[in-house]
Amino acid sequence: MFLAVVVPLSISLARRSNTYEQILRPFMTQHGCELVDIWIPKFYQTGPFPKIAFRRSRLEFHIFSCSLTHIEYRIVSFKTKTGDQCTRWVRLLINPKGAQEIVWEPGTTEVPDEKNE
């Protein structure tokens, strides 16, 4: 019983501590932007995104009925092609192979969303 609580909790904490810079930096560079900083919001903060998100028709990985596909929110500061500095929220749908989906807060025109099916 103890392991049934500790293992998922430790996996969740490990995910929360990752900034996902290895995913975001190449993506930003590809679109002509320079990544400045990434902040991890508090657990319950989702920014401009809905508090509850449903995923349908997405690739999901399961081990012992635990989903390995999860959503993470980050606050990203970056410089655009024109040199302006912007701060935007981003929602990352992560699976063991990397980012399955990168969605920027509504109204973001500097960087496009990316969906890898």
PDB file of N, CA and C in Angstrom:
ATOM      1  N   MET A   1       0.835  -1.192   0.000  1.00  0.00           N
ATOM      2  CA  MET A   1       0.000   0.000   0.000  1.00  0.00           C
ATOM      3  C   MET A   1       0.879   1.255   0.000  1.00  0.00           C
ATOM      4  N   PHE A   2       1.942   1.216   0.771  1.00  0.00           N
ATOM      5  CA  PHE A   2       2.848   2.350   0.869  1.00  0.00           C
ATOM      6  C   PHE A   2       3.442   2.688  -0.503  1.00  0.00           C
ATOM      7  N   LEU A   3       3.891   1.666  -1.238  1.00  0.00           N
ATOM      8  CA  LEU A   3       4.469   1.878  -2.562  1.00  0.00           C
ATOM      9  C   LEU A   3       3.445   2.401  -3.557  1.00  0.00           C
ATOM     10  N   ALA A   4       2.183   2.008  -3.381  1.00  0.00           N
ATOM     11  CA  ALA A   4       1.128   2.466  -4.278  1.00  0.00           C
ATOM     12  C   ALA A   4       0.924   3.974  -4.184  1.00  0.00           C
ATOM     13  N   VAL A   5       1.323   4.573  -3.088  1.00  0.00           N
ATOM     14  CA  VAL A   5       1.202   6.022  -2.910  1.00  0.00           C
ATOM     15  C   VAL A   5       2.525   6.719  -3.210  1.00  0.00           C
ATOM     16  N   VAL A   6       3.622   6.165  -2.742  1.00  0.00           N
ATOM     17  CA  VAL A   6       4.927   6.808  -2.857  1.00  0.00           C
ATOM     18  C   VAL A   6       5.424   6.851  -4.301  1.00  0.00           C
ATOM     19  N   VAL A   7       5.286   5.776  -5.038  1.00  0.00           N
ATOM     20  CA  VAL A   7       5.810   5.727  -6.405  1.00  0.00           C
ATOM     21  C   VAL A   7       5.123   6.749  -7.318  1.00  0.00           C
ATOM     22  N   PRO A   8       3.777   6.786  -7.392  1.00  0.00           N
ATOM     23  CA  PRO A   8       3.160   7.811  -8.243  1.00  0.00           C
ATOM     24  C   PRO A   8       3.461   9.239  -7.780  1.00  0.00           C
ATOM     25  N   LEU A   9       3.544   9.452  -6.476  1.00  0.00           N
ATOM     26  CA  LEU A   9       3.851  10.778  -5.955  1.00  0.00           C
ATOM     27  C   LEU A   9       5.265  11.201  -6.337  1.00  0.00           C
ATOM     28  N   SER A  10       6.224  10.311  -6.236  1.00  0.00           N
ATOM     29  CA  SER A  10       7.601  10.651  -6.598  1.00  0.00           C
ATOM     30  C   SER A  10       7.739  10.872  -8.109  1.00  0.00           C
ATOM     31  N   ILE A  11       7.008  10.112  -8.913  1.00  0.00           N
ATOM     32  CA  ILE A  11       7.018  10.331 -10.366  1.00  0.00           C
ATOM     33  C   ILE A  11       6.448  11.708 -10.686  1.00  0.00           C
ATOM     34  N   SER A  12       5.359  12.064 -10.026  1.00  0.00           N
ATOM     35  CA  SER A  12       4.739  13.365 -10.246  1.00  0.00           C
ATOM     36  C   SER A  12       5.669  14.505  -9.842  1.00  0.00           C
ATOM     37  N   LEU A  13       6.350  14.374  -8.718  1.00  0.00           N
ATOM     38  CA  LEU A  13       7.287  15.402  -8.277  1.00  0.00           C
ATOM     39  C   LEU A  13       8.472  15.533  -9.234  1.00  0.00           C
ATOM     40  N   ALA A  14       8.944  14.416  -9.760  1.00  0.00           N
ATOM     41  CA  ALA A  14      10.047  14.454 -10.721  1.00  0.00           C
ATOM     42  C   ALA A  14       9.619  15.166 -12.001  1.00  0.00           C
ATOM     43  N   ARG A  15       8.397  14.921 -12.453  1.00  0.00           N
ATOM     44  CA  ARG A  15       7.877  15.601 -13.646  1.00  0.00           C
ATOM     45  C   ARG A  15       7.766  17.096 -13.397  1.00  0.00           C
ATOM     46  N   ARG A  16       7.288  17.472 -12.235  1.00  0.00           N
ATOM     47  CA  ARG A  16       7.075  18.886 -11.906  1.00  0.00           C
ATOM     48  C   ARG A  16       8.393  19.663 -11.848  1.00  0.00           C
ATOM     49  N   SER A  17       9.474  19.011 -11.497  1.00  0.00           N
ATOM     50  CA  SER A  17      10.746  19.721 -11.361  1.00  0.00           C
ATOM     51  C   SER A  17      11.445  19.927 -12.707  1.00  0.00           C
ATOM     52  N   ASN A  18      10.973  19.287 -13.759  1.00  0.00           N
ATOM     53  CA  ASN A  18      11.589  19.397 -15.074  1.00  0.00           C
ATOM     54  C   ASN A  18      11.075  20.654 -15.787  1.00  0.00           C
ATOM     55  N   THR A  19      11.971  21.495 -16.296  1.00  0.00           N
ATOM     56  CA  THR A  19      11.552  22.703 -17.013  1.00  0.00           C
ATOM     57  C   THR A  19      11.226  22.414 -18.477  1.00  0.00           C
ATOM     58  N   TYR A  20      11.650  21.263 -18.987  1.00  0.00           N
ATOM     59  CA  TYR A  20      11.464  20.864 -20.384  1.00  0.00           C
ATOM     60  C   TYR A  20      12.196  21.804 -21.345  1.00  0.00           C
ATOM     61  N   GLU A  21      13.324  22.335 -20.882  1.00  0.00           N
ATOM     62  CA  GLU A  21      14.143  23.212 -21.722  1.00  0.00           C
ATOM     63  C   GLU A  21      14.653  22.461 -22.945  1.00  0.00           C
ATOM     64  N   GLN A  22      14.949  21.166 -22.813  1.00  0.00           N
ATOM     65  CA  GLN A  22      15.469  20.380 -23.929  1.00  0.00           C
ATOM     66  C   GLN A  22      14.436  20.249 -25.052  1.00  0.00           C
ATOM     67  N   ILE A  23      13.168  20.490 -24.753  1.00  0.00           N
ATOM     68  CA  ILE A  23      12.118  20.474 -25.770  1.00  0.00           C
ATOM     69  C   ILE A  23      11.867  21.892 -26.285  1.00  0.00           C
ATOM     70  N   LEU A  24      11.785  22.856 -25.377  1.00  0.00           N
ATOM     71  CA  LEU A  24      11.396  24.215 -25.750  1.00  0.00           C
ATOM     72  C   LEU A  24      12.500  25.002 -26.460  1.00  0.00           C
ATOM     73  N   ARG A  25      13.759  24.842 -26.057  1.00  0.00           N
ATOM     74  CA  ARG A  25      14.840  25.632 -26.670  1.00  0.00           C
ATOM     75  C   ARG A  25      14.954  25.359 -28.182  1.00  0.00           C
ATOM     76  N   PRO A  26      15.034  24.095 -28.650  1.00  0.00           N
ATOM     77  CA  PRO A  26      15.108  23.868 -30.098  1.00  0.00           C
ATOM     78  C   PRO A  26      13.851  24.340 -30.833  1.00  0.00           C
ATOM     79  N   PHE A  27      12.689  24.189 -30.192  1.00  0.00           N
ATOM     80  CA  PHE A  27      11.435  24.625 -30.805  1.00  0.00           C
ATOM     81  C   PHE A  27      11.441  26.136 -31.007  1.00  0.00           C
ATOM     82  N   MET A  28      11.895  26.881 -29.990  1.00  0.00           N
ATOM     83  CA  MET A  28      11.941  28.340 -30.078  1.00  0.00           C
ATOM     84  C   MET A  28      12.955  28.784 -31.134  1.00  0.00           C
ATOM     85  N   THR A  29      14.111  28.153 -31.157  1.00  0.00           N
ATOM     86  CA  THR A  29      15.148  28.496 -32.131  1.00  0.00           C
ATOM     87  C   THR A  29      14.658  28.245 -33.549  1.00  0.00           C
ATOM     88  N   GLN A  30      13.940  27.166 -33.739  1.00  0.00           N
ATOM     89  CA  GLN A  30      13.391  26.810 -35.042  1.00  0.00           C
ATOM     90  C   GLN A  30      12.454  27.902 -35.567  1.00  0.00           C
ATOM     91  N   HIS A  31      11.783  28.611 -34.664  1.00  0.00           N
ATOM     92  CA  HIS A  31      10.835  29.653 -35.064  1.00  0.00           C
ATOM     93  C   HIS A  31      11.400  31.062 -34.892  1.00  0.00           C
ATOM     94  N   GLY A  32      12.720  31.169 -34.781  1.00  0.00           N
ATOM     95  CA  GLY A  32      13.384  32.457 -34.765  1.00  0.00           C
ATOM     96  C   GLY A  32      13.334  33.200 -33.445  1.00  0.00           C
ATOM     97  N   CYS A  33      13.038  32.517 -32.371  1.00  0.00           N
ATOM     98  CA  CYS A  33      12.986  33.150 -31.050  1.00  0.00           C
ATOM     99  C   CYS A  33      14.116  32.615 -30.177  1.00  0.00           C
ATOM    100  N   GLU A  34      14.488  33.395 -29.173  1.00  0.00           N
ATOM    101  CA  GLU A  34      15.546  32.984 -28.256  1.00  0.00           C
ATOM    102  C   GLU A  34      14.954  32.790 -26.861  1.00  0.00           C
ATOM    103  N   LEU A  35      15.095  31.605 -26.315  1.00  0.00           N
ATOM    104  CA  LEU A  35      14.575  31.293 -24.989  1.00  0.00           C
ATOM    105  C   LEU A  35      15.394  32.024 -23.936  1.00  0.00           C
ATOM    106  N   VAL A  36      14.710  32.734 -23.026  1.00  0.00           N
ATOM    107  CA  VAL A  36      15.389  33.467 -21.965  1.00  0.00           C
ATOM    108  C   VAL A  36      15.273  32.712 -20.642  1.00  0.00           C
ATOM    109  N   ASP A  37      14.048  32.350 -20.247  1.00  0.00           N
ATOM    110  CA  ASP A  37      13.857  31.684 -18.954  1.00  0.00           C
ATOM    111  C   ASP A  37      12.560  30.892 -18.950  1.00  0.00           C
ATOM    112  N   ILE A  38      12.500  29.894 -18.079  1.00  0.00           N
ATOM    113  CA  ILE A  38      11.297  29.069 -17.896  1.00  0.00           C
ATOM    114  C   ILE A  38      10.996  28.997 -16.411  1.00  0.00           C
ATOM    115  N   TRP A  39       9.751  29.281 -16.049  1.00  0.00           N
ATOM    116  CA  TRP A  39       9.310  29.175 -14.655  1.00  0.00           C
ATOM    117  C   TRP A  39       8.290  28.057 -14.526  1.00  0.00           C
ATOM    118  N   ILE A  40       8.330  27.384 -13.389  1.00  0.00           N
ATOM    119  CA  ILE A  40       7.370  26.327 -13.088  1.00  0.00           C
ATOM    120  C   ILE A  40       6.300  26.937 -12.189  1.00  0.00           C
ATOM    121  N   PRO A  41       5.053  27.011 -12.662  1.00  0.00           N
ATOM    122  CA  PRO A  41       3.996  27.579 -11.821  1.00  0.00           C
ATOM    123  C   PRO A  41       3.621  26.634 -10.686  1.00  0.00           C
ATOM    124  N   LYS A  42       2.878  27.137  -9.727  1.00  0.00           N
ATOM    125  CA  LYS A  42       2.405  26.286  -8.639  1.00  0.00           C
ATOM    126  C   LYS A  42       1.518  25.189  -9.199  1.00  0.00           C
ATOM    127  N   PHE A  43       1.387  24.117  -8.457  1.00  0.00           N
ATOM    128  CA  PHE A  43       0.704  22.908  -8.924  1.00  0.00           C
ATOM    129  C   PHE A  43      -0.697  23.193  -9.458  1.00  0.00           C
ATOM    130  N   TYR A  44      -1.444  24.058  -8.813  1.00  0.00           N
ATOM    131  CA  TYR A  44      -2.841  24.295  -9.174  1.00  0.00           C
ATOM    132  C   TYR A  44      -3.004  25.412 -10.215  1.00  0.00           C
ATOM    133  N   GLN A  45      -1.932  26.076 -10.628  1.00  0.00           N
ATOM    134  CA  GLN A  45      -2.028  27.167 -11.589  1.00  0.00           C
ATOM    135  C   GLN A  45      -1.920  26.645 -13.019  1.00  0.00           C
ATOM    136  N   THR A  46      -2.893  27.016 -13.838  1.00  0.00           N
ATOM    137  CA  THR A  46      -2.884  26.622 -15.242  1.00  0.00           C
ATOM    138  C   THR A  46      -2.905  27.825 -16.176  1.00  0.00           C
ATOM    139  N   GLY A  47      -2.813  29.027 -15.612  1.00  0.00           N
ATOM    140  CA  GLY A  47      -2.792  30.232 -16.431  1.00  0.00           C
ATOM    141  C   GLY A  47      -4.085  30.424 -17.194  1.00  0.00           C
ATOM    142  N   PRO A  48      -3.993  30.759 -18.486  1.00  0.00           N
ATOM    143  CA  PRO A  48      -5.196  30.999 -19.284  1.00  0.00           C
ATOM    144  C   PRO A  48      -5.863  29.718 -19.783  1.00  0.00           C
ATOM    145  N   PHE A  49      -5.306  28.569 -19.437  1.00  0.00           N
ATOM    146  CA  PHE A  49      -5.871  27.301 -19.888  1.00  0.00           C
ATOM    147  C   PHE A  49      -6.937  26.817 -18.901  1.00  0.00           C
ATOM    148  N   PRO A  50      -7.902  26.014 -19.361  1.00  0.00           N
ATOM    149  CA  PRO A  50      -8.922  25.498 -18.445  1.00  0.00           C
ATOM    150  C   PRO A  50      -8.306  24.638 -17.342  1.00  0.00           C
ATOM    151  N   LYS A  51      -8.924  24.629 -16.167  1.00  0.00           N
ATOM    152  CA  LYS A  51      -8.417  23.844 -15.034  1.00  0.00           C
ATOM    153  C   LYS A  51      -8.528  22.341 -15.302  1.00  0.00           C
ATOM    154  N   ILE A  52      -9.523  21.944 -16.087  1.00  0.00           N
ATOM    155  CA  ILE A  52      -9.723  20.527 -16.401  1.00  0.00           C
ATOM    156  C   ILE A  52      -9.580  20.355 -17.909  1.00  0.00           C
ATOM    157  N   ALA A  53      -8.730  19.428 -18.319  1.00  0.00           N
ATOM    158  CA  ALA A  53      -8.512  19.172 -19.743  1.00  0.00           C
ATOM    159  C   ALA A  53      -8.788  17.706 -20.043  1.00  0.00           C
ATOM    160  N   PHE A  54      -9.500  17.470 -21.121  1.00  0.00           N
ATOM    161  CA  PHE A  54      -9.794  16.112 -21.558  1.00  0.00           C
ATOM    162  C   PHE A  54      -9.011  15.824 -22.827  1.00  0.00           C
ATOM    163  N   ARG A  55      -8.467  14.636 -22.904  1.00  0.00           N
ATOM    164  CA  ARG A  55      -7.724  14.235 -24.088  1.00  0.00           C
ATOM    165  C   ARG A  55      -8.460  13.082 -24.752  1.00  0.00           C
ATOM    166  N   ARG A  56      -8.796  13.271 -25.996  1.00  0.00           N
ATOM    167  CA  ARG A  56      -9.427  12.219 -26.791  1.00  0.00           C
ATOM    168  C   ARG A  56      -8.602  11.993 -28.041  1.00  0.00           C
ATOM    169  N   SER A  57      -8.592  10.783 -28.509  1.00  0.00           N
ATOM    170  CA  SER A  57      -7.891  10.384 -29.736  1.00  0.00           C
ATOM    171  C   SER A  57      -6.422  10.796 -29.738  1.00  0.00           C
ATOM    172  N   ARG A  58      -5.776  10.693 -28.618  1.00  0.00           N
ATOM    173  CA  ARG A  58      -4.350  10.967 -28.518  1.00  0.00           C
ATOM    174  C   ARG A  58      -3.626   9.677 -28.175  1.00  0.00           C
ATOM    175  N   LEU A  59      -2.384   9.601 -28.595  1.00  0.00           N
ATOM    176  CA  LEU A  59      -1.549   8.465 -28.268  1.00  0.00           C
ATOM    177  C   LEU A  59      -1.248   8.478 -26.782  1.00  0.00           C
ATOM    178  N   GLU A  60      -1.538   7.406 -26.087  1.00  0.00           N
ATOM    179  CA  GLU A  60      -1.271   7.339 -24.655  1.00  0.00           C
ATOM    180  C   GLU A  60      -0.494   6.070 -24.342  1.00  0.00           C
ATOM    181  N   PHE A  61       0.373   6.162 -23.362  1.00  0.00           N
ATOM    182  CA  PHE A  61       1.166   5.041 -22.925  1.00  0.00           C
ATOM    183  C   PHE A  61       0.702   4.633 -21.537  1.00  0.00           C
ATOM    184  N   HIS A  62       0.513   3.353 -21.326  1.00  0.00           N
ATOM    185  CA  HIS A  62       0.071   2.858 -20.025  1.00  0.00           C
ATOM    186  C   HIS A  62       0.986   1.737 -19.547  1.00  0.00           C
ATOM    187  N   ILE A  63       1.377   1.810 -18.294  1.00  0.00           N
ATOM    188  CA  ILE A  63       2.104   0.729 -17.637  1.00  0.00           C
ATOM    189  C   ILE A  63       1.382   0.453 -16.337  1.00  0.00           C
ATOM    190  N   PHE A  64       0.924  -0.759 -16.164  1.00  0.00           N
ATOM    191  CA  PHE A  64       0.161  -1.142 -14.980  1.00  0.00           C
ATOM    192  C   PHE A  64      -1.008  -0.182 -14.758  1.00  0.00           C
ATOM    193  N   SER A  65      -1.692   0.161 -15.834  1.00  0.00           N
ATOM    194  CA  SER A  65      -2.855   1.052 -15.864  1.00  0.00           C
ATOM    195  C   SER A  65      -2.556   2.486 -15.425  1.00  0.00           C
ATOM    196  N   CYS A  66      -1.292   2.884 -15.373  1.00  0.00           N
ATOM    197  CA  CYS A  66      -0.920   4.273 -15.073  1.00  0.00           C
ATOM    198  C   CYS A  66      -0.522   4.945 -16.384  1.00  0.00           C
ATOM    199  N   SER A  67      -1.127   6.064 -16.678  1.00  0.00           N
ATOM    200  CA  SER A  67      -0.823   6.773 -17.914  1.00  0.00           C
ATOM    201  C   SER A  67       0.531   7.456 -17.812  1.00  0.00           C
ATOM    202  N   LEU A  68       1.345   7.301 -18.836  1.00  0.00           N
ATOM    203  CA  LEU A  68       2.637   7.965 -18.893  1.00  0.00           C
ATOM    204  C   LEU A  68       2.562   9.265 -19.697  1.00  0.00           C
ATOM    205  N   THR A  69       1.398   9.543 -20.279  1.00  0.00           N
ATOM    206  CA  THR A  69       1.172  10.788 -20.990  1.00  0.00           C
ATOM    207  C   THR A  69       0.567  11.768 -19.996  1.00  0.00           C
ATOM    208  N   HIS A  70       1.168  12.948 -19.888  1.00  0.00           N
ATOM    209  CA  HIS A  70       0.679  13.907 -18.905  1.00  0.00           C
ATOM    210  C   HIS A  70       0.826  15.332 -19.426  1.00  0.00           C
ATOM    211  N   ILE A  71       0.108  16.256 -18.800  1.00  0.00           N
ATOM    212  CA  ILE A  71       0.134  17.662 -19.182  1.00  0.00           C
ATOM    213  C   ILE A  71       0.945  18.448 -18.165  1.00  0.00           C
ATOM    214  N   GLU A  72       1.799  19.321 -18.656  1.00  0.00           N
ATOM    215  CA  GLU A  72       2.578  20.218 -17.801  1.00  0.00           C
ATOM    216  C   GLU A  72       2.381  21.652 -18.287  1.00  0.00           C
ATOM    217  N   TYR A  73       2.381  22.586 -17.365  1.00  0.00           N
ATOM    218  CA  TYR A  73       2.259  24.007 -17.681  1.00  0.00           C
ATOM    219  C   TYR A  73       3.548  24.710 -17.290  1.00  0.00           C
ATOM    220  N   ARG A  74       4.005  25.623 -18.128  1.00  0.00           N
ATOM    221  CA  ARG A  74       5.195  26.396 -17.849  1.00  0.00           C
ATOM    222  C   ARG A  74       4.970  27.846 -18.287  1.00  0.00           C
ATOM    223  N   ILE A  75       5.708  28.756 -17.661  1.00  0.00           N
ATOM    224  CA  ILE A  75       5.701  30.161 -18.056  1.00  0.00           C
ATOM    225  C   ILE A  75       7.054  30.407 -18.719  1.00  0.00           C
ATOM    226  N   VAL A  76       7.022  30.841 -19.974  1.00  0.00           N
ATOM    227  CA  VAL A  76       8.238  30.955 -20.775  1.00  0.00           C
ATOM    228  C   VAL A  76       8.478  32.417 -21.138  1.00  0.00           C
ATOM    229  N   SER A  77       9.697  32.857 -20.929  1.00  0.00           N
ATOM    230  CA  SER A  77      10.125  34.192 -21.344  1.00  0.00           C
ATOM    231  C   SER A  77      11.080  34.014 -22.518  1.00  0.00           C
ATOM    232  N   PHE A  78      10.847  34.787 -23.584  1.00  0.00           N
ATOM    233  CA  PHE A  78      11.677  34.648 -24.782  1.00  0.00           C
ATOM    234  C   PHE A  78      11.762  35.960 -25.535  1.00  0.00           C
ATOM    235  N   LYS A  79      12.786  36.053 -26.396  1.00  0.00           N
ATOM    236  CA  LYS A  79      12.952  37.207 -27.273  1.00  0.00           C
ATOM    237  C   LYS A  79      12.484  36.823 -28.664  1.00  0.00           C
ATOM    238  N   THR A  80      11.723  37.712 -29.287  1.00  0.00           N
ATOM    239  CA  THR A  80      11.207  37.450 -30.626  1.00  0.00           C
ATOM    240  C   THR A  80      12.240  37.838 -31.679  1.00  0.00           C
ATOM    241  N   LYS A  81      11.888  37.644 -32.946  1.00  0.00           N
ATOM    242  CA  LYS A  81      12.773  37.996 -34.059  1.00  0.00           C
ATOM    243  C   LYS A  81      13.114  39.482 -34.054  1.00  0.00           C
ATOM    244  N   THR A  82      12.169  40.314 -33.595  1.00  0.00           N
ATOM    245  CA  THR A  82      12.375  41.761 -33.580  1.00  0.00           C
ATOM    246  C   THR A  82      13.118  42.248 -32.343  1.00  0.00           C
ATOM    247  N   GLY A  83      13.399  41.344 -31.392  1.00  0.00           N
ATOM    248  CA  GLY A  83      14.127  41.708 -30.190  1.00  0.00           C
ATOM    249  C   GLY A  83      13.249  42.023 -28.993  1.00  0.00           C
ATOM    250  N   ASP A  84      11.926  41.984 -29.174  1.00  0.00           N
ATOM    251  CA  ASP A  84      11.008  42.213 -28.060  1.00  0.00           C
ATOM    252  C   ASP A  84      11.023  41.016 -27.118  1.00  0.00           C
ATOM    253  N   GLN A  85      10.918  41.274 -25.826  1.00  0.00           N
ATOM    254  CA  GLN A  85      10.865  40.185 -24.859  1.00  0.00           C
ATOM    255  C   GLN A  85       9.415  39.937 -24.469  1.00  0.00           C
ATOM    256  N   CYS A  86       8.988  38.681 -24.545  1.00  0.00           N
ATOM    257  CA  CYS A  86       7.613  38.287 -24.239  1.00  0.00           C
ATOM    258  C   CYS A  86       7.621  37.225 -23.157  1.00  0.00           C
ATOM    259  N   THR A  87       6.555  37.181 -22.388  1.00  0.00           N
ATOM    260  CA  THR A  87       6.352  36.127 -21.397  1.00  0.00           C
ATOM    261  C   THR A  87       5.000  35.506 -21.679  1.00  0.00           C
ATOM    262  N   ARG A  88       4.977  34.200 -21.918  1.00  0.00           N
ATOM    263  CA  ARG A  88       3.747  33.497 -22.289  1.00  0.00           C
ATOM    264  C   ARG A  88       3.636  32.170 -21.533  1.00  0.00           C
ATOM    265  N   TRP A  89       2.401  31.742 -21.327  1.00  0.00           N
ATOM    266  CA  TRP A  89       2.126  30.418 -20.768  1.00  0.00           C
ATOM    267  C   TRP A  89       2.154  29.405 -21.902  1.00  0.00           C
ATOM    268  N   VAL A  90       2.608  28.203 -21.592  1.00  0.00           N
ATOM    269  CA  VAL A  90       2.612  27.116 -22.568  1.00  0.00           C
ATOM    270  C   VAL A  90       2.126  25.842 -21.883  1.00  0.00           C
ATOM    271  N   ARG A  91       1.341  25.056 -22.624  1.00  0.00           N
ATOM    272  CA  ARG A  91       0.872  23.762 -22.137  1.00  0.00           C
ATOM    273  C   ARG A  91       1.570  22.682 -22.953  1.00  0.00           C
ATOM    274  N   LEU A  92       2.232  21.774 -22.259  1.00  0.00           N
ATOM    275  CA  LEU A  92       2.968  20.692 -22.906  1.00  0.00           C
ATOM    276  C   LEU A  92       2.287  19.366 -22.623  1.00  0.00           C
ATOM    277  N   LEU A  93       1.967  18.626 -23.669  1.00  0.00           N
ATOM    278  CA  LEU A  93       1.474  17.266 -23.519  1.00  0.00           C
ATOM    279  C   LEU A  93       2.684  16.377 -23.746  1.00  0.00           C
ATOM    280  N   ILE A  94       3.134  15.720 -22.681  1.00  0.00           N
ATOM    281  CA  ILE A  94       4.388  14.968 -22.699  1.00  0.00           C
ATOM    282  C   ILE A  94       4.099  13.473 -22.680  1.00  0.00           C
ATOM    283  N   ASN A  95       4.839  12.725 -23.493  1.00  0.00           N
ATOM    284  CA  ASN A  95       4.812  11.263 -23.422  1.00  0.00           C
ATOM    285  C   ASN A  95       6.264  10.785 -23.385  1.00  0.00           C
ATOM    286  N   PRO A  96       6.513   9.504 -23.215  1.00  0.00           N
ATOM    287  CA  PRO A  96       7.898   9.031 -23.103  1.00  0.00           C
ATOM    288  C   PRO A  96       8.787   9.358 -24.307  1.00  0.00           C
ATOM    289  N   LYS A  97       8.199   9.613 -25.475  1.00  0.00           N
ATOM    290  CA  LYS A  97       8.990   9.943 -26.652  1.00  0.00           C
ATOM    291  C   LYS A  97       9.306  11.434 -26.752  1.00  0.00           C
ATOM    292  N   GLY A  98       8.710  12.256 -25.926  1.00  0.00           N
ATOM    293  CA  GLY A  98       8.944  13.707 -25.972  1.00  0.00           C
ATOM    294  C   GLY A  98       7.640  14.471 -25.935  1.00  0.00           C
ATOM    295  N   ALA A  99       7.653  15.651 -26.534  1.00  0.00           N
ATOM    296  CA  ALA A  99       6.451  16.496 -26.542  1.00  0.00           C
ATOM    297  C   ALA A  99       5.511  16.040 -27.646  1.00  0.00           C
ATOM    298  N   GLN A 100       4.314  15.693 -27.259  1.00  0.00           N
ATOM    299  CA  GLN A 100       3.303  15.293 -28.223  1.00  0.00           C
ATOM    300  C   GLN A 100       2.538  16.525 -28.706  1.00  0.00           C
ATOM    301  N   GLU A 101       2.479  17.541 -27.843  1.00  0.00           N
ATOM    302  CA  GLU A 101       1.742  18.743 -28.192  1.00  0.00           C
ATOM    303  C   GLU A 101       2.318  19.935 -27.424  1.00  0.00           C
ATOM    304  N   ILE A 102       2.516  21.053 -28.118  1.00  0.00           N
ATOM    305  CA  ILE A 102       2.947  22.304 -27.498  1.00  0.00           C
ATOM    306  C   ILE A 102       1.900  23.343 -27.863  1.00  0.00           C
ATOM    307  N   VAL A 103       1.186  23.850 -26.857  1.00  0.00           N
ATOM    308  CA  VAL A 103       0.114  24.819 -27.093  1.00  0.00           C
ATOM    309  C   VAL A 103       0.404  26.081 -26.291  1.00  0.00           C
ATOM    310  N   TRP A 104       0.481  27.216 -26.988  1.00  0.00           N
ATOM    311  CA  TRP A 104       0.737  28.501 -26.338  1.00  0.00           C
ATOM    312  C   TRP A 104      -0.570  29.132 -25.918  1.00  0.00           C
ATOM    313  N   GLU A 105      -0.502  30.050 -24.971  1.00  0.00           N
ATOM    314  CA  GLU A 105      -1.712  30.712 -24.490  1.00  0.00           C
ATOM    315  C   GLU A 105      -2.437  31.388 -25.650  1.00  0.00           C
ATOM    316  N   PRO A 106      -3.765  31.487 -25.573  1.00  0.00           N
ATOM    317  CA  PRO A 106      -4.528  32.099 -26.662  1.00  0.00           C
ATOM    318  C   PRO A 106      -4.041  33.528 -26.940  1.00  0.00           C
ATOM    319  N   GLY A 107      -3.956  33.861 -28.207  1.00  0.00           N
ATOM    320  CA  GLY A 107      -3.508  35.190 -28.604  1.00  0.00           C
ATOM    321  C   GLY A 107      -2.029  35.295 -28.884  1.00  0.00           C
ATOM    322  N   THR A 108      -1.280  34.223 -28.712  1.00  0.00           N
ATOM    323  CA  THR A 108       0.157  34.244 -28.979  1.00  0.00           C
ATOM    324  C   THR A 108       0.389  34.153 -30.484  1.00  0.00           C
ATOM    325  N   THR A 109       1.055  35.151 -31.035  1.00  0.00           N
ATOM    326  CA  THR A 109       1.331  35.163 -32.469  1.00  0.00           C
ATOM    327  C   THR A 109       2.811  34.979 -32.777  1.00  0.00           C
ATOM    328  N   GLU A 110       3.663  35.096 -31.754  1.00  0.00           N
ATOM    329  CA  GLU A 110       5.109  35.030 -31.987  1.00  0.00           C
ATOM    330  C   GLU A 110       5.584  33.615 -32.286  1.00  0.00           C
ATOM    331  N   VAL A 111       4.938  32.630 -31.673  1.00  0.00           N
ATOM    332  CA  VAL A 111       5.338  31.235 -31.826  1.00  0.00           C
ATOM    333  C   VAL A 111       4.091  30.397 -32.095  1.00  0.00           C
ATOM    334  N   PRO A 112       4.126  29.501 -33.101  1.00  0.00           N
ATOM    335  CA  PRO A 112       2.954  28.687 -33.385  1.00  0.00           C
ATOM    336  C   PRO A 112       2.825  27.487 -32.449  1.00  0.00           C
ATOM    337  N   ASP A 113       1.608  26.949 -32.370  1.00  0.00           N
ATOM    338  CA  ASP A 113       1.384  25.701 -31.654  1.00  0.00           C
ATOM    339  C   ASP A 113       1.966  24.560 -32.487  1.00  0.00           C
ATOM    340  N   GLU A 114       2.259  23.446 -31.815  1.00  0.00           N
ATOM    341  CA  GLU A 114       2.774  22.269 -32.524  1.00  0.00           C
ATOM    342  C   GLU A 114       2.054  21.046 -32.024  1.00  0.00           C
ATOM    343  N   LYS A 115       1.539  20.251 -32.948  1.00  0.00           N
ATOM    344  CA  LYS A 115       0.860  19.009 -32.575  1.00  0.00           C
ATOM    345  C   LYS A 115       1.473  17.867 -33.355  1.00  0.00           C
ATOM    346  N   ASN A 116       2.084  16.945 -32.641  1.00  0.00           N
ATOM    347  CA  ASN A 116       2.677  15.759 -33.252  1.00  0.00           C
ATOM    348  C   ASN A 116       1.782  14.574 -32.923  1.00  0.00           C
ATOM    349  N   GLU A 117       1.156  14.028 -33.924  1.00  0.00           N
ATOM    350  CA  GLU A 117       0.236  12.896 -33.690  1.00  0.00           C
ATOM    351  C   GLU A 117       1.005  11.607 -33.600  1.00  0.00           C
TER     352      GLU A 117
END
